[in-house]
């Protein structure tokens, strides 16, 4: 579940918002990002897609002799369209995002995956309107947890995470 959640666009939106940056690179700080991220409860769907992501990504990297950065440079390159490995990895990430949204109970948000401008570059991600909606909901969830309000039954409650 953690593999999927932390690889999701949902977590990425939070990480970009709450991390410091150097040029266009995000400096992921566990105290600013990981510990404050309002995680949903693990689900069987998150666990399964997390395992699929790890397995498929690892297989592609070994077969093609690519590191993680080079692989994701291909995923985020809009000119790479006919590469079956990259197409499949994009689809797995869309599945990761759908499973994450289901875990939060937010199936009503249209994520509209595709190539979108993001931080002065074009990358494969959720739409700008979905990013805003996801961040708004994460902020609301974080506030609920911080103030001790009742959270949804499927939410992971961690008082140290606020």
Protein backbone atom coordinates (compact mmCIF):
# COMPACT_ATOMS: atom_id res chain seq x y z
CA UNK A 1 0.00 0.00 0.00
CA UNK A 2 2.77 2.43 0.88
CA UNK A 3 4.51 1.81 -2.46
CA UNK A 4 1.37 2.83 -4.32
CA UNK A 5 0.46 5.74 -2.07
CA UNK A 6 3.91 7.31 -2.08
CA UNK A 7 4.19 6.84 -5.87
CA UNK A 8 0.81 8.45 -6.52
CA UNK A 9 0.15 11.83 -8.07
CA UNK A 10 -1.85 12.53 -4.94
CA UNK A 11 1.27 12.31 -2.78
CA UNK A 12 3.29 14.15 -5.44
CA UNK A 13 0.91 17.14 -5.26
CA UNK A 14 1.42 17.27 -1.49
CA UNK A 15 5.20 16.84 -1.79
CA UNK A 16 5.55 19.65 -4.31
CA UNK A 17 3.42 21.99 -2.20
CA UNK A 18 5.27 21.35 1.07
CA UNK A 19 8.85 20.78 -0.08
CA UNK A 20 11.52 23.32 -0.66
CA UNK A 21 12.91 23.48 -4.19
CA UNK A 22 16.19 23.96 -5.95
CA UNK A 23 15.56 25.21 -9.48
CA UNK A 24 12.76 22.85 -10.60
CA UNK A 25 13.76 19.96 -8.30
CA UNK A 26 11.81 19.12 -5.17
CA UNK A 27 13.77 18.66 -1.93
CA UNK A 28 11.65 16.03 -0.18
CA UNK A 29 11.83 16.57 3.57
CA UNK A 30 10.27 13.78 5.66
CA UNK A 31 9.34 16.20 8.45
CA UNK A 32 7.64 18.64 6.07
CA UNK A 33 6.09 16.17 3.64
CA UNK A 34 5.89 12.56 4.79
CA UNK A 35 4.89 13.19 8.39
CA UNK A 36 2.24 15.76 7.49
CA UNK A 37 0.69 13.79 4.60
CA UNK A 38 -2.79 12.56 5.65
CA UNK A 39 -2.59 8.94 4.53
CA UNK A 40 -5.69 6.82 3.96
CA UNK A 41 -5.97 3.38 5.48
CA UNK A 42 -4.21 0.67 3.44
CA UNK A 43 -6.49 -1.24 1.10
CA UNK A 44 -6.10 -4.51 -0.80
CA UNK A 45 -6.38 -2.53 -4.06
CA UNK A 46 -3.52 -0.19 -3.05
CA UNK A 47 -1.40 -3.16 -2.03
CA UNK A 48 -2.01 -4.99 -5.32
CA UNK A 49 -1.28 -2.00 -7.54
CA UNK A 50 1.77 -1.11 -5.44
CA UNK A 51 3.15 -4.61 -6.05
CA UNK A 52 2.33 -4.35 -9.76
CA UNK A 53 4.08 -0.99 -10.03
CA UNK A 54 7.20 -2.28 -8.30
CA UNK A 55 7.30 -5.47 -10.38
CA UNK A 56 6.63 -3.89 -13.78
CA UNK A 57 8.93 -0.94 -13.20
CA UNK A 58 11.75 -3.21 -11.99
CA UNK A 59 11.36 -5.53 -14.99
CA UNK A 60 11.53 -2.63 -17.46
CA UNK A 61 14.55 -1.11 -15.76
CA UNK A 62 16.48 -4.41 -15.74
CA UNK A 63 15.55 -5.36 -19.31
CA UNK A 64 16.37 -1.92 -20.71
CA UNK A 65 19.30 -1.20 -18.38
CA UNK A 66 17.75 2.03 -17.16
CA UNK A 67 17.85 3.74 -13.80
CA UNK A 68 14.77 5.24 -12.21
CA UNK A 69 15.50 8.80 -13.37
CA UNK A 70 16.03 7.80 -17.01
CA UNK A 71 12.88 5.67 -16.95
CA UNK A 72 10.75 8.52 -15.61
CA UNK A 73 12.30 10.96 -18.06
CA UNK A 74 10.75 8.71 -20.73
CA UNK A 75 7.41 8.52 -18.90
CA UNK A 76 7.28 12.33 -18.76
CA UNK A 77 8.42 12.89 -22.35
CA UNK A 78 5.40 13.72 -24.55
CA UNK A 79 7.32 12.66 -27.66
CA UNK A 80 7.47 9.06 -26.38
CA UNK A 81 4.16 7.71 -27.67
CA UNK A 82 4.73 4.33 -29.32
CA UNK A 83 6.79 2.70 -26.59
CA UNK A 84 4.72 -0.12 -25.09
CA UNK A 85 6.71 -0.22 -21.82
CA UNK A 86 6.23 3.48 -21.24
CA UNK A 87 2.55 3.35 -22.21
CA UNK A 88 2.03 0.51 -19.71
CA UNK A 89 3.89 2.33 -16.93
CA UNK A 90 1.75 5.41 -17.49
CA UNK A 91 -1.35 3.22 -17.21
CA UNK A 92 -0.08 1.60 -14.01
CA UNK A 93 0.41 5.06 -12.53
CA UNK A 94 -3.15 5.99 -13.52
CA UNK A 95 -4.31 2.82 -11.72
CA UNK A 96 -2.22 3.82 -8.68
CA UNK A 97 -3.95 7.20 -8.64
CA UNK A 98 -7.42 5.67 -9.01
CA UNK A 99 -6.76 3.21 -6.18
CA UNK A 100 -5.48 6.05 -4.01
CA UNK A 101 -8.56 8.17 -4.66
CA UNK A 102 -10.79 5.20 -3.83
CA UNK A 103 -8.90 4.69 -0.55
CA UNK A 104 -9.73 8.28 0.38
CA UNK A 105 -13.35 7.90 -0.78
CA UNK A 106 -12.82 10.53 -3.48
CA UNK A 107 -13.98 8.63 -6.56
CA UNK A 108 -15.95 11.70 -7.68
CA UNK A 109 -12.80 13.58 -8.81
CA UNK A 110 -11.92 13.26 -12.50
CA UNK A 111 -8.14 12.98 -12.65
CA UNK A 112 -7.82 13.39 -16.45
CA UNK A 113 -4.33 11.92 -16.79
CA UNK A 114 -2.25 13.19 -19.67
CA UNK A 115 0.52 15.62 -20.51
CA UNK A 116 -0.02 18.83 -18.61
CA UNK A 117 2.15 21.87 -17.90
CA UNK A 118 3.59 21.57 -14.42
CA UNK A 119 6.27 23.75 -12.83
CA UNK A 120 7.35 25.26 -16.15
CA UNK A 121 7.59 21.89 -17.89
CA UNK A 122 5.24 19.44 -19.50
CA UNK A 123 4.90 16.08 -17.78
CA UNK A 124 2.54 13.11 -17.60
CA UNK A 125 0.31 13.71 -14.60
CA UNK A 126 -3.21 14.55 -13.45
CA UNK A 127 -4.88 17.67 -14.81
CA UNK A 128 -4.36 21.10 -13.23
CA UNK A 129 -7.96 21.18 -11.98
CA UNK A 130 -7.54 17.71 -10.43
CA UNK A 131 -4.32 18.84 -8.70
CA UNK A 132 -6.16 21.78 -7.14
CA UNK A 133 -9.08 19.62 -6.01
CA UNK A 134 -6.78 16.92 -4.58
CA UNK A 135 -4.68 19.45 -2.68
CA UNK A 136 -7.82 21.13 -1.30
CA UNK A 137 -9.13 17.80 -0.06
CA UNK A 138 -5.79 16.80 1.44
CA UNK A 139 -5.64 20.11 3.28
CA UNK A 140 -9.19 19.63 4.59
CA UNK A 141 -8.34 16.09 5.72
CA UNK A 142 -5.17 17.28 7.43
CA UNK A 143 -7.11 20.02 9.23
CA UNK A 144 -9.79 17.55 10.35
CA UNK A 145 -7.12 15.32 11.83
CA UNK A 146 -5.30 18.25 13.45
CA UNK A 147 -8.45 19.47 15.18
CA UNK A 148 -9.50 15.98 16.25
CA UNK A 149 -12.67 15.95 14.16
CA UNK A 150 -14.19 12.66 13.14
CA UNK A 151 -12.65 11.27 9.96
CA UNK A 152 -14.09 8.93 7.37
CA UNK A 153 -14.14 5.26 8.30
CA UNK A 154 -11.55 4.45 5.65
CA UNK A 155 -9.08 7.13 6.77
CA UNK A 156 -5.82 6.28 8.48
CA UNK A 157 -5.67 8.15 11.77
CA UNK A 158 -2.18 9.11 12.90
CA UNK A 159 -2.11 11.95 15.40
CA UNK A 160 1.63 12.40 14.84
CA UNK A 161 1.02 13.04 11.11
CA UNK A 162 -0.42 16.52 11.51
